[in-house]
N, C-alpha and C. Protein backbone atom coordinates (compact mmCIF):
# COMPACT_ATOMS: atom_id res chain seq x y z
N LEU A 1 13.20 -8.25 -12.58
CA LEU A 1 11.89 -7.48 -13.22
C LEU A 1 10.63 -7.61 -12.40
N GLY A 2 9.99 -6.73 -12.49
CA GLY A 2 9.18 -5.51 -11.82
C GLY A 2 7.89 -5.51 -12.78
N GLN A 3 6.63 -4.73 -11.98
CA GLN A 3 5.64 -4.44 -12.78
C GLN A 3 5.19 -3.46 -11.79
N ALA A 4 5.01 -2.10 -12.74
CA ALA A 4 4.44 -1.14 -12.49
C ALA A 4 3.06 -1.02 -11.79
N LEU A 5 3.06 0.19 -10.92
CA LEU A 5 1.46 -0.36 -9.99
C LEU A 5 0.55 0.89 -11.17
N ARG A 6 1.03 1.73 -11.37
CA ARG A 6 0.19 2.64 -12.22
C ARG A 6 -0.45 2.23 -13.28
N ASP A 7 0.65 1.79 -14.51
CA ASP A 7 -0.20 1.07 -15.80
C ASP A 7 -0.09 -0.47 -15.76
N GLY A 8 0.79 -1.01 -14.93
CA GLY A 8 0.75 -2.24 -15.28
C GLY A 8 2.13 -3.03 -15.97
N ALA A 9 2.71 -1.58 -16.68
CA ALA A 9 3.70 -2.23 -17.41
C ALA A 9 4.79 -3.06 -16.78
N VAL A 10 5.43 -3.89 -17.50
CA VAL A 10 6.77 -4.90 -16.94
C VAL A 10 7.73 -4.51 -17.35
N GLY A 11 8.61 -4.67 -16.75
CA GLY A 11 10.43 -4.83 -17.62
C GLY A 11 10.88 -4.47 -16.37
N TRP A 12 12.27 -4.41 -16.42
CA TRP A 12 13.37 -4.54 -15.78
C TRP A 12 13.81 -2.83 -15.01
N ALA A 13 14.45 -3.10 -14.10
CA ALA A 13 14.53 -1.38 -13.50
C ALA A 13 16.22 -1.47 -12.76
N ALA A 14 16.73 -0.37 -12.99
CA ALA A 14 17.94 -0.28 -12.34
C ALA A 14 17.56 -0.47 -10.87
N LEU A 15 18.44 -1.22 -10.03
CA LEU A 15 18.18 -0.58 -8.46
C LEU A 15 19.38 0.39 -7.88
N ALA A 16 19.93 0.69 -8.61
CA ALA A 16 20.79 1.71 -8.37
C ALA A 16 21.92 2.57 -9.31
N GLY A 17 22.09 3.66 -9.37
CA GLY A 17 22.92 3.95 -10.45
C GLY A 17 24.26 4.36 -9.84
N ARG A 18 24.74 5.31 -10.48
CA ARG A 18 26.33 5.95 -10.29
C ARG A 18 26.43 6.52 -8.96
N ASP A 19 27.62 5.95 -8.13
CA ASP A 19 27.78 7.04 -7.00
C ASP A 19 27.12 6.08 -5.96
N ALA A 20 26.65 5.06 -6.19
CA ALA A 20 25.87 4.16 -5.02
C ALA A 20 24.49 4.55 -4.61
N VAL A 21 23.55 5.91 -5.90
CA VAL A 21 22.74 6.03 -5.89
C VAL A 21 21.28 5.13 -5.90
N GLN A 22 20.53 4.78 -4.91
CA GLN A 22 19.31 3.83 -5.38
C GLN A 22 18.65 4.29 -5.35
N PHE A 23 17.97 3.75 -6.51
CA PHE A 23 16.54 4.09 -7.11
C PHE A 23 15.41 3.06 -6.83
N LEU A 24 15.55 2.05 -6.23
CA LEU A 24 14.19 1.19 -5.49
C LEU A 24 15.49 0.73 -4.30
N LEU A 25 13.73 0.37 -3.48
CA LEU A 25 14.52 -0.71 -2.38
C LEU A 25 13.80 -1.13 -2.03
N PRO A 26 14.21 -2.75 -1.18
CA PRO A 26 13.47 -3.82 -1.30
C PRO A 26 12.32 -3.54 -0.34
N GLY A 27 11.29 -3.91 -0.35
CA GLY A 27 9.74 -3.67 0.16
C GLY A 27 9.40 -4.96 0.85
N GLY A 28 8.48 -5.05 1.73
CA GLY A 28 8.26 -6.26 2.30
C GLY A 28 6.67 -6.48 2.33
N THR A 29 6.10 -7.37 2.66
CA THR A 29 4.96 -7.92 2.60
C THR A 29 3.91 -7.15 3.93
N ALA A 30 4.52 -6.91 5.25
CA ALA A 30 4.08 -6.36 6.51
C ALA A 30 4.19 -4.92 6.44
N PHE A 31 2.97 -4.57 6.76
CA PHE A 31 2.84 -3.28 6.77
C PHE A 31 2.49 -2.75 8.39
N HIS A 32 2.87 -1.76 8.75
CA HIS A 32 2.34 -1.25 9.93
C HIS A 32 1.55 0.08 10.26
N VAL A 33 0.58 0.00 10.70
CA VAL A 33 -0.37 1.08 10.87
C VAL A 33 0.18 2.17 11.97
N LEU A 34 -0.05 3.75 11.24
CA LEU A 34 0.78 4.65 11.94
C LEU A 34 -0.14 5.12 12.57
N ARG A 35 -1.13 5.59 11.83
CA ARG A 35 -2.48 6.36 12.77
C ARG A 35 -3.86 5.16 12.24
N ALA A 36 -4.83 5.62 12.98
CA ALA A 36 -6.15 5.03 12.54
C ALA A 36 -6.83 5.41 11.16
N VAL A 37 -6.80 4.35 10.56
CA VAL A 37 -7.75 4.34 9.17
C VAL A 37 -8.90 3.01 8.72
N ALA A 38 -9.36 3.53 7.97
CA ALA A 38 -10.36 2.13 7.75
C ALA A 38 -10.14 0.81 6.93
N LEU A 39 -10.55 -0.05 7.48
CA LEU A 39 -10.48 -1.50 6.39
C LEU A 39 -11.99 -1.58 6.06
N THR A 40 -11.82 -1.73 4.22
CA THR A 40 -12.98 -1.28 3.68
C THR A 40 -13.16 -2.55 2.79
N SER A 41 -14.41 -3.06 2.03
CA SER A 41 -14.80 -4.10 1.51
C SER A 41 -14.19 -3.91 0.35
N ASP A 42 -13.89 -2.91 -0.39
CA ASP A 42 -13.59 -2.76 -1.70
C ASP A 42 -12.60 -1.63 -1.78
N ALA A 43 -12.03 -1.50 -2.81
CA ALA A 43 -10.87 -0.70 -3.12
C ALA A 43 -11.51 0.78 -3.09
N GLU A 44 -12.56 1.07 -3.69
CA GLU A 44 -13.46 2.37 -3.36
C GLU A 44 -13.43 3.01 -2.16
N GLY A 45 -13.59 2.31 -1.23
CA GLY A 45 -13.76 2.52 -0.12
C GLY A 45 -15.45 2.44 0.59
N ALA A 46 -16.55 1.90 0.02
CA ALA A 46 -17.64 2.40 -0.14
C ALA A 46 -18.29 1.54 1.49
N THR A 47 -17.53 0.63 2.11
CA THR A 47 -18.13 0.04 3.03
C THR A 47 -17.16 -0.47 4.05
N THR A 48 -17.56 0.41 5.06
CA THR A 48 -16.21 0.47 5.95
C THR A 48 -16.61 -1.54 6.99
N LEU A 49 -15.24 -1.99 6.92
CA LEU A 49 -15.62 -3.38 7.97
C LEU A 49 -15.35 -3.16 9.41
N ARG A 50 -14.18 -2.41 9.43
CA ARG A 50 -13.68 -1.85 10.85
C ARG A 50 -12.79 -0.72 10.97
N MET A 51 -12.26 -0.45 11.99
CA MET A 51 -11.07 0.75 11.72
C MET A 51 -10.12 0.04 12.29
N LEU A 52 -8.63 0.09 11.67
CA LEU A 52 -7.52 -0.36 12.38
C LEU A 52 -6.93 0.54 13.03
N ALA A 53 -6.63 0.03 14.18
CA ALA A 53 -6.03 0.84 15.26
C ALA A 53 -4.37 1.10 15.23
N GLU A 54 -3.79 2.14 15.26
CA GLU A 54 -2.19 2.22 15.59
C GLU A 54 -1.77 1.15 15.91
N GLY A 55 -0.51 0.80 15.48
CA GLY A 55 0.13 -0.40 15.49
C GLY A 55 -0.10 -1.94 15.39
N GLN A 56 -1.37 -1.68 14.78
CA GLN A 56 -1.43 -3.20 14.00
C GLN A 56 -0.66 -3.34 12.98
N VAL A 57 -0.49 -4.48 12.40
CA VAL A 57 0.24 -5.00 11.53
C VAL A 57 -0.50 -5.86 10.26
N LEU A 58 -0.28 -5.31 8.69
CA LEU A 58 -1.19 -6.57 8.31
C LEU A 58 -0.01 -6.76 7.42
N GLU A 59 -0.52 -7.83 6.56
CA GLU A 59 -0.02 -8.70 5.52
C GLU A 59 -0.76 -8.23 4.09
N LEU A 60 0.20 -7.61 3.24
CA LEU A 60 -0.24 -6.79 1.88
C LEU A 60 -0.52 -8.14 0.75
N ILE A 61 -1.75 -8.11 0.15
CA ILE A 61 -1.87 -8.82 -0.51
C ILE A 61 -1.65 -8.23 -2.05
N ASP A 62 -2.26 -7.45 -2.26
CA ASP A 62 -2.51 -6.80 -3.62
C ASP A 62 -2.44 -5.00 -3.49
N TRP A 63 -1.90 -4.24 -4.78
CA TRP A 63 -2.27 -3.30 -4.68
C TRP A 63 -3.11 -2.38 -5.31
N SER A 64 -3.77 -1.59 -4.90
CA SER A 64 -4.98 -0.82 -6.12
C SER A 64 -4.43 -0.16 -6.93
N ARG A 65 -4.85 -0.29 -8.17
CA ARG A 65 -4.55 0.06 -9.51
C ARG A 65 -5.68 1.06 -9.78
N GLY A 66 -5.52 2.47 -8.87
CA GLY A 66 -6.94 3.57 -9.42
C GLY A 66 -6.30 4.60 -10.49
N PRO A 67 -7.05 5.14 -11.06
CA PRO A 67 -6.78 6.06 -12.39
C PRO A 67 -5.69 6.92 -11.80
N GLU A 68 -5.11 7.20 -12.76
CA GLU A 68 -3.86 8.23 -12.56
C GLU A 68 -4.35 9.42 -12.07
N GLY A 69 -3.95 10.18 -10.81
CA GLY A 69 -4.38 11.28 -10.33
C GLY A 69 -5.37 10.79 -8.92
N ALA A 70 -5.30 9.78 -8.67
CA ALA A 70 -6.01 9.36 -7.79
C ALA A 70 -5.61 10.26 -6.15
N THR A 71 -6.51 10.18 -5.25
CA THR A 71 -6.32 10.87 -4.43
C THR A 71 -5.67 10.01 -2.96
N ARG A 72 -5.53 8.90 -2.78
CA ARG A 72 -4.82 7.97 -2.41
C ARG A 72 -4.27 7.03 -2.53
N ILE A 73 -3.46 6.06 -1.87
CA ILE A 73 -2.56 4.88 -2.41
C ILE A 73 -3.28 3.71 -1.40
N ARG A 74 -3.95 3.06 -2.01
CA ARG A 74 -4.74 1.45 -1.20
C ARG A 74 -4.13 0.60 -1.29
N ALA A 75 -4.32 -0.44 -0.31
CA ALA A 75 -3.79 -1.83 -0.64
C ALA A 75 -4.59 -2.73 -0.61
N ARG A 76 -4.80 -4.21 -0.69
CA ARG A 76 -5.65 -5.10 -0.21
C ARG A 76 -4.90 -5.86 0.80
N THR A 77 -5.14 -5.97 1.80
CA THR A 77 -4.72 -6.38 2.82
C THR A 77 -5.10 -7.43 3.83
N ARG A 78 -4.77 -8.55 4.30
CA ARG A 78 -5.35 -9.02 5.60
C ARG A 78 -4.53 -9.12 7.23
N SER A 79 -5.34 -9.30 8.00
CA SER A 79 -5.19 -8.71 9.28
C SER A 79 -4.70 -10.00 10.03
N PHE A 80 -4.24 -10.13 10.84
CA PHE A 80 -3.96 -11.66 12.00
C PHE A 80 -5.24 -12.06 12.54
N ARG A 81 -6.61 -11.46 12.35
CA ARG A 81 -7.55 -11.60 12.53
C ARG A 81 -8.30 -13.52 12.15
N PRO A 82 -8.03 -13.79 11.12
CA PRO A 82 -7.70 -13.25 10.02
C PRO A 82 -8.92 -12.66 9.35
N GLU A 83 -8.77 -11.19 8.47
CA GLU A 83 -9.90 -10.39 7.99
C GLU A 83 -9.07 -9.72 6.60
N VAL A 84 -9.83 -9.78 5.66
CA VAL A 84 -9.60 -9.48 4.13
C VAL A 84 -10.10 -8.28 3.53
N GLY A 85 -9.24 -6.86 3.55
CA GLY A 85 -10.60 -5.80 2.98
C GLY A 85 -9.21 -4.74 2.76
N TRP A 86 -9.34 -3.75 1.76
CA TRP A 86 -8.80 -2.62 1.67
C TRP A 86 -8.68 -1.66 2.78
N ALA A 87 -7.31 -1.03 2.87
CA ALA A 87 -6.76 0.27 3.35
C ALA A 87 -6.25 1.29 2.59
N THR A 88 -6.16 2.10 3.55
CA THR A 88 -5.24 3.46 2.51
C THR A 88 -3.81 3.69 3.19
N LEU A 89 -3.15 3.33 2.39
CA LEU A 89 -1.60 3.86 2.73
C LEU A 89 -1.13 5.13 3.11
N ALA A 90 -1.73 6.20 2.17
CA ALA A 90 -1.49 7.65 2.01
C ALA A 90 -2.28 8.03 1.22
N ASP A 91 -2.08 9.38 1.55
CA ASP A 91 -3.03 10.20 0.42
C ASP A 91 -2.55 11.31 -0.48
N THR A 92 -2.41 12.27 -1.08
CA THR A 92 -2.31 12.71 -2.09
C THR A 92 -2.07 14.45 -1.09
N ALA A 93 -2.28 14.35 0.33
CA ALA A 93 -2.41 15.54 1.26
C ALA A 93 -0.97 15.34 2.10
N GLY A 94 -0.08 14.33 2.09
CA GLY A 94 1.01 13.71 2.66
C GLY A 94 0.64 13.12 3.96
N VAL A 95 -0.61 12.61 4.11
CA VAL A 95 -0.99 12.06 5.05
C VAL A 95 -0.24 10.55 5.15
N VAL A 96 0.46 9.69 5.68
CA VAL A 96 0.51 8.68 5.69
C VAL A 96 0.17 7.49 6.99
N TYR A 97 -0.83 6.30 6.50
CA TYR A 97 -1.25 5.71 7.51
C TYR A 97 -0.74 4.65 7.92
N MET A 98 -0.02 3.90 6.78
CA MET A 98 1.07 2.80 7.13
C MET A 98 2.14 3.01 6.36
N ARG A 99 3.07 2.18 6.67
CA ARG A 99 4.95 2.11 6.17
C ARG A 99 4.92 0.68 6.08
N SER A 100 5.70 0.54 5.29
CA SER A 100 6.70 -1.27 5.24
C SER A 100 7.44 -1.68 6.14
N LEU A 101 7.29 -2.46 6.98
CA LEU A 101 8.14 -2.67 8.00
C LEU A 101 9.77 -3.81 7.41
């Protein structure tokens, strides 16, 4: 059972299809910062708390549920300081700031 990030729909999904084609992969709650990105106080990114440095590891708390066509994928995270805020995982230009460990 899963929930879609885009519209919040809940339902069942196939993990793999014929010939072992994988549709979904298991994910984790730990993310590795690949390039410097701002940790902000809200999902809109209005107030920067601090910059996250390359190599930091964050814990995923929640995904942003932005409007369709949003310019970035954001997640609420916790650093090991501990500090809670929002960070951009990737933008629509294809720049990836963090990846799951």
